[in-house]
Amino acid sequence: MPKAAAEEHQIAGHTVRLSSPDKVVFPGRGFTKRDVFDYYLAVGDGILRALRDRPTTLQRFPDGIEGEAFYQKRIPARGVPEWVRTAQIKFPSMRTADELSPADLAHVAWAAQMGTVVFHPWPVRAAAPDEPDELRIDLDPQPGTGFADVVATAGVVREVLGELGWTGYPKTSGGRGVHIYVRIAPRWSFVDVRRAAIALAREVERRNPSGITTAWWKEERGERVFLDYNQMARDRTIACAYSLRANARATVSAPVTWDELTSVEPDDFDLRSMPPRFAAAGDPHAGIDDVAHDLTPLLEWVERDEKAGLGDLPYPPDHPKMPGEPKRVQPSKDRDLKG
């Protein structure tokens, strides 16, 4: 069978070329590059709400999800359409990169044409790349726990946010996890926002210590849901709302209402099921930009915890050592603890 010809699409006032539209991206279900391209157009308003003006790392699969993949953090100065916007970010090393910064749906479509399956935006906007405007709460199931345990943990997070007078917006991760997003005013550094995330996680943990943990070291987590506070460290990203995930089923990181969260399963949302859902019900995260919360209450919790002897927690292993950070040594390998 001859290959399908390249196509040209007019999107947001730009011409986006789709080459090799019949190339298979998800072999298990036969989804092609055109299917991925059309999917992102179908959920355009939703994914733009998640990506607009955010520096974004692209997880690309030029030969489909069973082929070699790579993360593209730098958009080259040449060989891309002149209308493609970028934003400069700083890595923990303070080196810089110009990442894609979607201004409209054409940017998303262009990335899909380039083999992007998963979009990983930073929690910042291009105008203030060092000041997060999105607090991300990542609930990660550990061995012995499942999606139901994560949903129960999300309910505790909702309870704490409600006591703060804050609104959180949940979504499935596309796997067994749940993410909860809170818009915050872009006034604080990554260090401050990460410490605030730790304080929030500790408060959630206190309410169910047998089922929830903030322990960074896997050997200490047990069969509990881990609140991954390090998702707020600089250069840590999460697949955004409406992003496809690179798995055999082609699941979606799906925004849901709080009421829905207790009755859904991650496999309910995929490349085929999400577009009709979006067309019929709209975006459960439509109001996420309406209010930007003041981080001050959580920073007061940071001070409270420090007075109680609870300081910082370890950063990811690839992050430079930070002031006040405890040792990055597994407790079972820490000679000081062993005596």
C-alpha atoms as a PDB file:
ATOM      1  CA  MET A   1       0.000   0.000   0.000  1.00  0.00           C
ATOM      2  CA  PRO A   2       1.472   3.412  -0.948  1.00  0.00           C
ATOM      3  CA  LYS A   3       2.255   5.813   1.834  1.00  0.00           C
ATOM      4  CA  ALA A   4      -0.226   8.611   2.475  1.00  0.00           C
ATOM      5  CA  ALA A   5       0.845  11.957   1.120  1.00  0.00           C
ATOM      6  CA  ALA A   6       1.868  14.811   3.386  1.00  0.00           C
ATOM      7  CA  GLU A   7      -0.935  17.181   4.347  1.00  0.00           C
ATOM      8  CA  GLU A   8      -1.121  20.875   5.104  1.00  0.00           C
ATOM      9  CA  HIS A   9      -3.438  22.180   7.815  1.00  0.00           C
ATOM     10  CA  GLN A  10      -4.392  25.755   8.625  1.00  0.00           C
ATOM     11  CA  ILE A  11      -4.368  26.078  12.412  1.00  0.00           C
ATOM     12  CA  ALA A  12      -4.547  29.320  14.411  1.00  0.00           C
ATOM     13  CA  GLY A  13      -3.496  31.310  11.346  1.00  0.00           C
ATOM     14  CA  HIS A  14      -0.445  29.133  10.626  1.00  0.00           C
ATOM     15  CA  THR A  15       0.262  26.383   8.126  1.00  0.00           C
ATOM     16  CA  VAL A  16       1.233  23.120   9.827  1.00  0.00           C
ATOM     17  CA  ARG A  17       2.510  20.293   7.649  1.00  0.00           C
ATOM     18  CA  LEU A  18       1.686  16.720   8.624  1.00  0.00           C
ATOM     19  CA  SER A  19       4.076  14.246   7.010  1.00  0.00           C
ATOM     20  CA  SER A  20       3.768  10.447   7.058  1.00  0.00           C
ATOM     21  CA  PRO A  21       0.247  10.648   8.523  1.00  0.00           C
ATOM     22  CA  ASP A  22      -0.230   6.878   8.330  1.00  0.00           C
ATOM     23  CA  LYS A  23       2.890   6.051  10.372  1.00  0.00           C
ATOM     24  CA  VAL A  24       1.861   3.856  13.298  1.00  0.00           C
ATOM     25  CA  VAL A  25       2.567   5.440  16.691  1.00  0.00           C
ATOM     26  CA  PHE A  26       0.671   3.069  19.011  1.00  0.00           C
ATOM     27  CA  PRO A  27       1.103  -0.414  17.489  1.00  0.00           C
ATOM     28  CA  GLY A  28      -1.063  -2.177  20.042  1.00  0.00           C
ATOM     29  CA  ARG A  29      -4.140  -0.279  18.940  1.00  0.00           C
ATOM     30  CA  GLY A  30      -3.073   0.799  15.477  1.00  0.00           C
ATOM     31  CA  PHE A  31      -3.203   4.523  16.210  1.00  0.00           C
ATOM     32  CA  THR A  32      -1.299   6.542  13.636  1.00  0.00           C
ATOM     33  CA  LYS A  33       0.445   9.872  13.537  1.00  0.00           C
ATOM     34  CA  ARG A  34      -2.739  11.380  12.052  1.00  0.00           C
ATOM     35  CA  ASP A  35      -4.711   9.979  15.002  1.00  0.00           C
ATOM     36  CA  VAL A  36      -2.332  11.685  17.447  1.00  0.00           C
ATOM     37  CA  PHE A  37      -2.449  14.922  15.442  1.00  0.00           C
ATOM     38  CA  ASP A  38      -6.259  14.878  15.264  1.00  0.00           C
ATOM     39  CA  TYR A  39      -6.510  14.031  18.960  1.00  0.00           C
ATOM     40  CA  TYR A  40      -4.615  17.146  19.984  1.00  0.00           C
ATOM     41  CA  LEU A  41      -6.765  19.308  17.723  1.00  0.00           C
ATOM     42  CA  ALA A  42      -9.918  17.795  19.244  1.00  0.00           C
ATOM     43  CA  VAL A  43      -8.889  18.687  22.819  1.00  0.00           C
ATOM     44  CA  GLY A  44      -7.273  21.950  21.747  1.00  0.00           C
ATOM     45  CA  ASP A  45      -8.864  24.326  24.256  1.00  0.00           C
ATOM     46  CA  GLY A  46      -8.046  21.971  27.114  1.00  0.00           C
ATOM     47  CA  ILE A  47      -4.426  21.284  26.304  1.00  0.00           C
ATOM     48  CA  LEU A  48      -3.799  24.958  25.543  1.00  0.00           C
ATOM     49  CA  ARG A  49      -5.102  25.818  28.996  1.00  0.00           C
ATOM     50  CA  ALA A  50      -2.416  23.497  30.348  1.00  0.00           C
ATOM     51  CA  LEU A  51       0.397  24.600  28.010  1.00  0.00           C
ATOM     52  CA  ARG A  52      -0.126  28.202  26.970  1.00  0.00           C
ATOM     53  CA  ASP A  53       3.036  30.285  27.449  1.00  0.00           C
ATOM     54  CA  ARG A  54       4.707  27.506  29.462  1.00  0.00           C
ATOM     55  CA  PRO A  55       8.224  26.319  28.591  1.00  0.00           C
ATOM     56  CA  THR A  56       7.588  22.737  27.546  1.00  0.00           C
ATOM     57  CA  THR A  57       9.789  19.669  27.216  1.00  0.00           C
ATOM     58  CA  LEU A  58       8.693  17.410  24.368  1.00  0.00           C
ATOM     59  CA  GLN A  59       8.825  13.624  24.732  1.00  0.00           C
ATOM     60  CA  ARG A  60       9.248  12.555  21.124  1.00  0.00           C
ATOM     61  CA  PHE A  61       8.832   9.122  19.529  1.00  0.00           C
ATOM     62  CA  PRO A  62       9.825   9.499  15.867  1.00  0.00           C
ATOM     63  CA  ASP A  63       9.313   5.754  15.231  1.00  0.00           C
ATOM     64  CA  GLY A  64       6.320   5.193  17.500  1.00  0.00           C
ATOM     65  CA  ILE A  65       6.186   4.339  21.189  1.00  0.00           C
ATOM     66  CA  GLU A  66       8.037   1.061  20.709  1.00  0.00           C
ATOM     67  CA  GLY A  67      10.948   2.855  19.047  1.00  0.00           C
ATOM     68  CA  GLU A  68      13.650   5.036  20.515  1.00  0.00           C
ATOM     69  CA  ALA A  69      12.404   8.070  22.419  1.00  0.00           C
ATOM     70  CA  PHE A  70      14.054  11.266  23.591  1.00  0.00           C
ATOM     71  CA  TYR A  71      13.223  14.401  25.531  1.00  0.00           C
ATOM     72  CA  GLN A  72      13.692  17.591  23.571  1.00  0.00           C
ATOM     73  CA  LYS A  73      14.490  20.504  25.853  1.00  0.00           C
ATOM     74  CA  ARG A  74      16.064  22.781  23.249  1.00  0.00           C
ATOM     75  CA  ILE A  75      14.315  24.025  20.141  1.00  0.00           C
ATOM     76  CA  PRO A  76      16.963  24.710  17.466  1.00  0.00           C
ATOM     77  CA  ALA A  77      17.336  28.220  16.110  1.00  0.00           C
ATOM     78  CA  ARG A  78      17.057  26.934  12.544  1.00  0.00           C
ATOM     79  CA  GLY A  79      14.793  24.529  10.720  1.00  0.00           C
ATOM     80  CA  VAL A  80      11.575  25.356  12.565  1.00  0.00           C
ATOM     81  CA  PRO A  81       8.722  27.615  11.420  1.00  0.00           C
ATOM     82  CA  GLU A  82       9.438  31.267  12.078  1.00  0.00           C
ATOM     83  CA  TRP A  83       6.241  31.615  14.102  1.00  0.00           C
ATOM     84  CA  VAL A  84       7.247  28.991  16.694  1.00  0.00           C
ATOM     85  CA  ARG A  85       7.766  30.659  20.065  1.00  0.00           C
ATOM     86  CA  THR A  86      10.272  29.624  22.685  1.00  0.00           C
ATOM     87  CA  ALA A  87      11.032  30.624  26.272  1.00  0.00           C
ATOM     88  CA  GLN A  88      14.353  30.461  28.056  1.00  0.00           C
ATOM     89  CA  ILE A  89      14.570  28.398  31.220  1.00  0.00           C
ATOM     90  CA  LYS A  90      17.370  27.693  33.661  1.00  0.00           C
ATOM     91  CA  PHE A  91      18.272  24.212  34.777  1.00  0.00           C
ATOM     92  CA  PRO A  92      19.474  23.548  38.351  1.00  0.00           C
ATOM     93  CA  SER A  93      23.012  23.909  36.982  1.00  0.00           C
ATOM     94  CA  MET A  94      21.977  27.427  35.852  1.00  0.00           C
ATOM     95  CA  ARG A  95      22.656  26.483  32.241  1.00  0.00           C
ATOM     96  CA  THR A  96      19.878  27.682  29.950  1.00  0.00           C
ATOM     97  CA  ALA A  97      17.728  26.287  27.161  1.00  0.00           C
ATOM     98  CA  ASP A  98      15.114  27.708  24.814  1.00  0.00           C
ATOM     99  CA  GLU A  99      12.101  25.411  25.103  1.00  0.00           C
ATOM    100  CA  LEU A 100       8.896  25.393  23.095  1.00  0.00           C
ATOM    101  CA  SER A 101       6.407  27.866  24.590  1.00  0.00           C
ATOM    102  CA  PRO A 102       3.014  27.212  22.971  1.00  0.00           C
ATOM    103  CA  ALA A 103       1.175  30.405  22.100  1.00  0.00           C
ATOM    104  CA  ASP A 104      -1.643  28.721  20.184  1.00  0.00           C
ATOM    105  CA  LEU A 105      -2.841  25.347  18.965  1.00  0.00           C
ATOM    106  CA  ALA A 106      -0.534  25.445  15.942  1.00  0.00           C
ATOM    107  CA  HIS A 107       2.404  24.976  18.328  1.00  0.00           C
ATOM    108  CA  VAL A 108       0.842  21.807  19.734  1.00  0.00           C
ATOM    109  CA  ALA A 109       0.083  20.498  16.240  1.00  0.00           C
ATOM    110  CA  TRP A 110       3.632  21.245  15.087  1.00  0.00           C
ATOM    111  CA  ALA A 111       5.019  19.316  18.056  1.00  0.00           C
ATOM    112  CA  ALA A 112       2.731  16.363  17.214  1.00  0.00           C
ATOM    113  CA  GLN A 113       4.021  16.473  13.642  1.00  0.00           C
ATOM    114  CA  MET A 114       7.527  16.192  15.061  1.00  0.00           C
ATOM    115  CA  GLY A 115       6.601  12.941  16.813  1.00  0.00           C
ATOM    116  CA  THR A 116       5.719  14.374  20.219  1.00  0.00           C
ATOM    117  CA  VAL A 117       3.431  12.088  22.193  1.00  0.00           C
ATOM    118  CA  VAL A 118       3.823  13.516  25.720  1.00  0.00           C
ATOM    119  CA  PHE A 119       3.969  17.204  26.704  1.00  0.00           C
ATOM    120  CA  HIS A 120       5.875  18.117  29.889  1.00  0.00           C
ATOM    121  CA  PRO A 121       5.363  21.820  30.723  1.00  0.00           C
ATOM    122  CA  TRP A 122       7.206  23.657  33.477  1.00  0.00           C
ATOM    123  CA  PRO A 123       5.039  25.099  36.293  1.00  0.00           C
ATOM    124  CA  VAL A 124       5.936  28.633  35.145  1.00  0.00           C
ATOM    125  CA  ARG A 125       5.028  31.072  32.388  1.00  0.00           C
ATOM    126  CA  ALA A 126       7.472  32.477  29.866  1.00  0.00           C
ATOM    127  CA  ALA A 127       7.162  35.943  31.397  1.00  0.00           C
ATOM    128  CA  ALA A 128       8.372  34.742  34.830  1.00  0.00           C
ATOM    129  CA  PRO A 129      10.377  31.532  34.268  1.00  0.00           C
ATOM    130  CA  ASP A 130      11.850  31.480  37.801  1.00  0.00           C
ATOM    131  CA  GLU A 131       8.564  31.994  39.678  1.00  0.00           C
ATOM    132  CA  PRO A 132       6.112  29.075  39.583  1.00  0.00           C
ATOM    133  CA  ASP A 133       2.431  29.859  39.202  1.00  0.00           C
ATOM    134  CA  GLU A 134       1.309  26.246  39.580  1.00  0.00           C
ATOM    135  CA  LEU A 135       1.602  24.118  42.711  1.00  0.00           C
ATOM    136  CA  ARG A 136       1.632  20.485  41.613  1.00  0.00           C
ATOM    137  CA  ILE A 137       0.754  17.735  44.056  1.00  0.00           C
ATOM    138  CA  ASP A 138       1.813  14.330  42.751  1.00  0.00           C
ATOM    139  CA  LEU A 139       0.276  11.261  44.408  1.00  0.00           C
ATOM    140  CA  ASP A 140       2.344   8.209  43.565  1.00  0.00           C
ATOM    141  CA  PRO A 141       1.190   4.687  44.486  1.00  0.00           C
ATOM    142  CA  GLN A 142       3.828   2.380  45.911  1.00  0.00           C
ATOM    143  CA  PRO A 143       3.988  -1.430  45.716  1.00  0.00           C
ATOM    144  CA  GLY A 144       1.059  -2.859  47.604  1.00  0.00           C
ATOM    145  CA  THR A 145      -1.164   0.152  46.909  1.00  0.00           C
ATOM    146  CA  GLY A 146      -3.448   0.904  43.988  1.00  0.00           C
ATOM    147  CA  PHE A 147      -5.518   3.575  42.343  1.00  0.00           C
ATOM    148  CA  ALA A 148      -8.200   3.405  45.050  1.00  0.00           C
ATOM    149  CA  ASP A 149      -5.573   4.250  47.686  1.00  0.00           C
ATOM    150  CA  VAL A 150      -4.412   7.202  45.605  1.00  0.00           C
ATOM    151  CA  VAL A 151      -7.982   8.458  45.245  1.00  0.00           C
ATOM    152  CA  ALA A 152      -8.460   8.222  49.018  1.00  0.00           C
ATOM    153  CA  THR A 153      -5.254  10.238  49.495  1.00  0.00           C
ATOM    154  CA  ALA A 154      -6.519  12.825  47.029  1.00  0.00           C
ATOM    155  CA  GLY A 155      -9.570  13.206  49.250  1.00  0.00           C
ATOM    156  CA  VAL A 156      -7.305  14.105  52.181  1.00  0.00           C
ATOM    157  CA  VAL A 157      -5.488  16.649  50.012  1.00  0.00           C
ATOM    158  CA  ARG A 158      -8.840  18.147  49.049  1.00  0.00           C
ATOM    159  CA  GLU A 159      -9.759  18.405  52.733  1.00  0.00           C
ATOM    160  CA  VAL A 160      -6.547  20.291  53.563  1.00  0.00           C
ATOM    161  CA  LEU A 161      -6.906  22.592  50.557  1.00  0.00           C
ATOM    162  CA  GLY A 162     -10.492  23.312  51.563  1.00  0.00           C
ATOM    163  CA  GLU A 163      -9.366  24.380  55.024  1.00  0.00           C
ATOM    164  CA  LEU A 164      -6.976  26.818  53.335  1.00  0.00           C
ATOM    165  CA  GLY A 165      -9.812  28.136  51.196  1.00  0.00           C
ATOM    166  CA  TRP A 166      -8.040  26.881  48.087  1.00  0.00           C
ATOM    167  CA  THR A 167      -9.371  25.103  45.021  1.00  0.00           C
ATOM    168  CA  GLY A 168      -7.482  22.116  43.672  1.00  0.00           C
ATOM    169  CA  TYR A 169      -7.980  20.591  40.237  1.00  0.00           C
ATOM    170  CA  PRO A 170      -7.436  16.810  40.009  1.00  0.00           C
ATOM    171  CA  LYS A 171      -6.461  14.729  37.010  1.00  0.00           C
ATOM    172  CA  THR A 172      -5.396  11.181  36.406  1.00  0.00           C
ATOM    173  CA  SER A 173      -1.729  10.719  35.575  1.00  0.00           C
ATOM    174  CA  GLY A 174      -2.567   8.354  32.736  1.00  0.00           C
ATOM    175  CA  GLY A 175      -1.251   5.564  34.939  1.00  0.00           C
ATOM    176  CA  ARG A 176      -2.122   4.671  38.526  1.00  0.00           C
ATOM    177  CA  GLY A 177      -1.364   8.090  39.989  1.00  0.00           C
ATOM    178  CA  VAL A 178      -3.279  11.318  40.498  1.00  0.00           C
ATOM    179  CA  HIS A 179      -2.090  14.902  40.124  1.00  0.00           C
ATOM    180  CA  ILE A 180      -3.724  17.886  41.810  1.00  0.00           C
ATOM    181  CA  TYR A 181      -2.965  21.393  40.545  1.00  0.00           C
ATOM    182  CA  VAL A 182      -3.413  24.676  42.407  1.00  0.00           C
ATOM    183  CA  ARG A 183      -2.819  28.044  40.787  1.00  0.00           C
ATOM    184  CA  ILE A 184      -0.622  30.328  42.885  1.00  0.00           C
ATOM    185  CA  ALA A 185       0.525  33.902  42.440  1.00  0.00           C
ATOM    186  CA  PRO A 186       3.939  33.936  40.654  1.00  0.00           C
ATOM    187  CA  ARG A 187       5.767  35.685  43.487  1.00  0.00           C
ATOM    188  CA  TRP A 188       7.970  32.986  44.972  1.00  0.00           C
ATOM    189  CA  SER A 189      11.060  31.054  43.909  1.00  0.00           C
ATOM    190  CA  PHE A 190      11.261  27.344  43.127  1.00  0.00           C
ATOM    191  CA  VAL A 191      12.918  26.837  46.513  1.00  0.00           C
ATOM    192  CA  ASP A 192      10.040  28.532  48.341  1.00  0.00           C
ATOM    193  CA  VAL A 193       7.334  26.718  46.396  1.00  0.00           C
ATOM    194  CA  ARG A 194       9.009  23.347  46.898  1.00  0.00           C
ATOM    195  CA  ARG A 195       9.243  23.968  50.654  1.00  0.00           C
ATOM    196  CA  ALA A 196       5.555  24.919  50.624  1.00  0.00           C
ATOM    197  CA  ALA A 197       4.788  21.655  48.829  1.00  0.00           C
ATOM    198  CA  ILE A 198       6.666  19.769  51.552  1.00  0.00           C
ATOM    199  CA  ALA A 199       4.673  21.537  54.271  1.00  0.00           C
ATOM    200  CA  LEU A 200       1.403  20.679  52.539  1.00  0.00           C
ATOM    201  CA  ALA A 201       2.479  17.060  52.054  1.00  0.00           C
ATOM    202  CA  ARG A 202       3.449  16.743  55.708  1.00  0.00           C
ATOM    203  CA  GLU A 203       0.052  18.035  56.806  1.00  0.00           C
ATOM    204  CA  VAL A 204      -1.673  15.493  54.554  1.00  0.00           C
ATOM    205  CA  GLU A 205       0.611  12.744  55.888  1.00  0.00           C
ATOM    206  CA  ARG A 206      -0.269  13.623  59.508  1.00  0.00           C
ATOM    207  CA  ARG A 207      -3.911  12.877  58.800  1.00  0.00           C
ATOM    208  CA  ASN A 208      -3.255   9.315  57.656  1.00  0.00           C
ATOM    209  CA  PRO A 209       0.334   8.300  58.482  1.00  0.00           C
ATOM    210  CA  SER A 210      -0.414   4.621  57.975  1.00  0.00           C
ATOM    211  CA  GLY A 211      -1.511   5.201  54.380  1.00  0.00           C
ATOM    212  CA  ILE A 212       0.409   8.298  53.241  1.00  0.00           C
ATOM    213  CA  THR A 213       4.104   9.151  53.298  1.00  0.00           C
ATOM    214  CA  THR A 214       6.551  11.904  52.404  1.00  0.00           C
ATOM    215  CA  ALA A 215       9.561   9.560  52.747  1.00  0.00           C
ATOM    216  CA  TRP A 216      11.948  10.168  49.852  1.00  0.00           C
ATOM    217  CA  TRP A 217      13.747   6.839  50.250  1.00  0.00           C
ATOM    218  CA  LYS A 218      11.781   3.897  48.867  1.00  0.00           C
ATOM    219  CA  GLU A 219      12.942   1.621  51.673  1.00  0.00           C
ATOM    220  CA  GLU A 220      11.042   3.831  54.134  1.00  0.00           C
ATOM    221  CA  ARG A 221       7.770   4.218  52.228  1.00  0.00           C
ATOM    222  CA  GLY A 222       6.176   0.846  52.840  1.00  0.00           C
ATOM    223  CA  GLU A 223       2.740   0.186  51.376  1.00  0.00           C
ATOM    224  CA  ARG A 224       1.732   3.833  51.405  1.00  0.00           C
ATOM    225  CA  VAL A 225       0.952   6.502  48.815  1.00  0.00           C
ATOM    226  CA  PHE A 226       3.956   8.775  48.299  1.00  0.00           C
ATOM    227  CA  LEU A 227       3.437  12.544  48.024  1.00  0.00           C
ATOM    228  CA  ASP A 228       6.247  13.446  45.639  1.00  0.00           C
ATOM    229  CA  TYR A 229       7.145  16.944  46.802  1.00  0.00           C
ATOM    230  CA  ASN A 230      10.159  16.983  44.468  1.00  0.00           C
ATOM    231  CA  GLN A 231       7.886  17.521  41.492  1.00  0.00           C
ATOM    232  CA  MET A 232       8.183  21.176  42.525  1.00  0.00           C
ATOM    233  CA  ALA A 233      11.976  21.179  42.218  1.00  0.00           C
ATOM    234  CA  ARG A 234      13.393  23.150  39.304  1.00  0.00           C
ATOM    235  CA  ASP A 235      13.387  21.179  36.025  1.00  0.00           C
ATOM    236  CA  ARG A 236      10.963  18.502  37.249  1.00  0.00           C
ATOM    237  CA  THR A 237       7.900  18.218  35.054  1.00  0.00           C
ATOM    238  CA  ILE A 238       4.683  16.198  34.827  1.00  0.00           C
ATOM    239  CA  ALA A 239       2.693  15.191  31.753  1.00  0.00           C
ATOM    240  CA  CYS A 240       0.112  17.939  31.385  1.00  0.00           C
ATOM    241  CA  ALA A 241      -3.659  17.744  31.327  1.00  0.00           C
ATOM    242  CA  TYR A 242      -4.865  16.100  28.089  1.00  0.00           C
ATOM    243  CA  SER A 243      -1.391  14.822  27.228  1.00  0.00           C
ATOM    244  CA  LEU A 244      -1.288  11.326  25.822  1.00  0.00           C
ATOM    245  CA  ARG A 245       0.900   8.834  27.651  1.00  0.00           C
ATOM    246  CA  ALA A 246       3.361   6.525  25.902  1.00  0.00           C
ATOM    247  CA  ASN A 247       1.760   3.226  26.844  1.00  0.00           C
ATOM    248  CA  ALA A 248       0.099   0.461  24.845  1.00  0.00           C
ATOM    249  CA  ARG A 249      -3.423   1.704  25.546  1.00  0.00           C
ATOM    250  CA  ALA A 250      -2.678   5.355  24.622  1.00  0.00           C
ATOM    251  CA  THR A 251      -4.168   6.639  27.863  1.00  0.00           C
ATOM    252  CA  VAL A 252      -4.607  10.327  28.626  1.00  0.00           C
ATOM    253  CA  SER A 253      -3.727  12.371  31.692  1.00  0.00           C
ATOM    254  CA  ALA A 254      -7.355  13.293  32.162  1.00  0.00           C
ATOM    255  CA  PRO A 255      -8.834  16.212  34.098  1.00  0.00           C
ATOM    256  CA  VAL A 256     -11.799  15.095  36.181  1.00  0.00           C
ATOM    257  CA  THR A 257     -14.148  16.639  38.696  1.00  0.00           C
ATOM    258  CA  TRP A 258     -13.755  15.750  42.356  1.00  0.00           C
ATOM    259  CA  ASP A 259     -17.030  13.830  42.220  1.00  0.00           C
ATOM    260  CA  GLU A 260     -15.857  11.828  39.208  1.00  0.00           C
ATOM    261  CA  LEU A 261     -12.517  10.938  40.759  1.00  0.00           C
ATOM    262  CA  THR A 262     -14.080   8.386  43.106  1.00  0.00           C
ATOM    263  CA  SER A 263     -15.749   6.457  40.279  1.00  0.00           C
ATOM    264  CA  VAL A 264     -13.304   6.477  37.356  1.00  0.00           C
ATOM    265  CA  GLU A 265     -10.404   4.249  36.367  1.00  0.00           C
ATOM    266  CA  PRO A 266      -7.260   5.438  34.519  1.00  0.00           C
ATOM    267  CA  ASP A 267      -8.076   3.313  31.462  1.00  0.00           C
ATOM    268  CA  ASP A 268     -11.401   5.142  31.045  1.00  0.00           C
ATOM    269  CA  PHE A 269      -9.550   7.930  29.248  1.00  0.00           C
ATOM    270  CA  ASP A 270      -7.604   7.383  26.058  1.00  0.00           C
ATOM    271  CA  LEU A 271      -7.003   8.729  22.577  1.00  0.00           C
ATOM    272  CA  ARG A 272     -10.407   7.504  21.382  1.00  0.00           C
ATOM    273  CA  SER A 273     -12.603   8.187  24.400  1.00  0.00           C
ATOM    274  CA  MET A 274     -11.362  11.642  25.376  1.00  0.00           C
ATOM    275  CA  PRO A 275     -12.409  13.697  22.298  1.00  0.00           C
ATOM    276  CA  PRO A 276     -16.145  12.824  22.552  1.00  0.00           C
ATOM    277  CA  ARG A 277     -16.015  13.372  26.307  1.00  0.00           C
ATOM    278  CA  PHE A 278     -14.392  16.777  25.782  1.00  0.00           C
ATOM    279  CA  ALA A 279     -16.931  17.742  23.105  1.00  0.00           C
ATOM    280  CA  ALA A 280     -19.861  16.753  25.311  1.00  0.00           C
ATOM    281  CA  ALA A 281     -18.768  17.877  28.771  1.00  0.00           C
ATOM    282  CA  GLY A 282     -16.027  20.448  28.225  1.00  0.00           C
ATOM    283  CA  ASP A 283     -12.997  20.879  30.441  1.00  0.00           C
ATOM    284  CA  PRO A 284     -13.289  20.197  34.193  1.00  0.00           C
ATOM    285  CA  HIS A 285     -10.268  22.505  34.607  1.00  0.00           C
ATOM    286  CA  ALA A 286     -11.935  25.417  32.803  1.00  0.00           C
ATOM    287  CA  GLY A 287     -11.850  27.570  35.960  1.00  0.00           C
ATOM    288  CA  ILE A 288      -8.263  26.862  36.943  1.00  0.00           C
ATOM    289  CA  ASP A 289      -7.006  30.314  35.963  1.00  0.00           C
ATOM    290  CA  ASP A 290      -9.772  32.207  37.757  1.00  0.00           C
ATOM    291  CA  VAL A 291      -7.929  32.522  41.086  1.00  0.00           C
ATOM    292  CA  ALA A 292      -4.215  32.593  41.934  1.00  0.00           C
ATOM    293  CA  HIS A 293      -3.798  31.715  45.597  1.00  0.00           C
ATOM    294  CA  ASP A 294      -1.431  33.346  48.079  1.00  0.00           C
ATOM    295  CA  LEU A 295       1.267  30.890  49.165  1.00  0.00           C
ATOM    296  CA  THR A 296       1.808  32.633  52.517  1.00  0.00           C
ATOM    297  CA  PRO A 297      -0.185  30.153  54.658  1.00  0.00           C
ATOM    298  CA  LEU A 298       1.973  27.255  53.484  1.00  0.00           C
ATOM    299  CA  LEU A 299       5.157  29.236  54.077  1.00  0.00           C
ATOM    300  CA  GLU A 300       3.932  29.793  57.639  1.00  0.00           C
ATOM    301  CA  TRP A 301       3.543  26.030  57.923  1.00  0.00           C
ATOM    302  CA  VAL A 302       7.169  25.718  56.768  1.00  0.00           C
ATOM    303  CA  GLU A 303       8.236  27.931  59.701  1.00  0.00           C
ATOM    304  CA  ARG A 304       6.030  25.943  62.085  1.00  0.00           C
ATOM    305  CA  ASP A 305       7.570  22.663  60.944  1.00  0.00           C
ATOM    306  CA  GLU A 306      11.113  24.008  61.217  1.00  0.00           C
ATOM    307  CA  LYS A 307      10.467  25.052  64.810  1.00  0.00           C
ATOM    308  CA  ALA A 308       9.327  21.500  65.446  1.00  0.00           C
ATOM    309  CA  GLY A 309      12.594  20.169  64.013  1.00  0.00           C
ATOM    310  CA  LEU A 310      11.257  19.297  60.568  1.00  0.00           C
ATOM    311  CA  GLY A 311      13.531  20.933  58.038  1.00  0.00           C
ATOM    312  CA  ASP A 312      14.135  20.375  54.350  1.00  0.00           C
ATOM    313  CA  LEU A 313      13.975  16.982  52.630  1.00  0.00           C
ATOM    314  CA  PRO A 314      16.327  15.498  50.006  1.00  0.00           C
ATOM    315  CA  TYR A 315      16.323  16.824  46.449  1.00  0.00           C
ATOM    316  CA  PRO A 316      16.403  14.527  43.392  1.00  0.00           C
ATOM    317  CA  PRO A 317      19.775  12.835  42.827  1.00  0.00           C
ATOM    318  CA  ASP A 318      20.605  14.886  39.719  1.00  0.00           C
ATOM    319  CA  HIS A 319      19.994  18.204  41.483  1.00  0.00           C
ATOM    320  CA  PRO A 320      22.906  20.260  42.895  1.00  0.00           C
ATOM    321  CA  LYS A 321      23.290  20.066  46.647  1.00  0.00           C
ATOM    322  CA  MET A 322      21.153  22.787  48.219  1.00  0.00           C
ATOM    323  CA  PRO A 323      21.664  24.854  51.408  1.00  0.00           C
ATOM    324  CA  GLY A 324      19.987  23.228  54.396  1.00  0.00           C
ATOM    325  CA  GLU A 325      19.324  19.983  52.556  1.00  0.00           C
ATOM    326  CA  PRO A 326      19.858  16.767  54.559  1.00  0.00           C
ATOM    327  CA  LYS A 327      22.277  14.110  53.396  1.00  0.00           C
ATOM    328  CA  ARG A 328      21.314  12.270  50.222  1.00  0.00           C
ATOM    329  CA  VAL A 329      22.148   8.886  51.636  1.00  0.00           C
ATOM    330  CA  GLN A 330      19.823   5.930  51.899  1.00  0.00           C
ATOM    331  CA  PRO A 331      19.181   5.363  55.603  1.00  0.00           C
ATOM    332  CA  SER A 332      20.288   1.733  55.310  1.00  0.00           C
ATOM    333  CA  LYS A 333      23.630   2.900  53.887  1.00  0.00           C
ATOM    334  CA  ASP A 334      24.198   5.850  56.209  1.00  0.00           C
ATOM    335  CA  ARG A 335      27.229   5.003  58.322  1.00  0.00           C
ATOM    336  CA  ASP A 336      26.456   7.766  60.804  1.00  0.00           C
ATOM    337  CA  LEU A 337      23.060   6.245  61.534  1.00  0.00           C
ATOM    338  CA  LYS A 338      24.606   2.793  61.841  1.00  0.00           C
ATOM    339  CA  GLY A 339      27.175   4.096  64.316  1.00  0.00           C
END
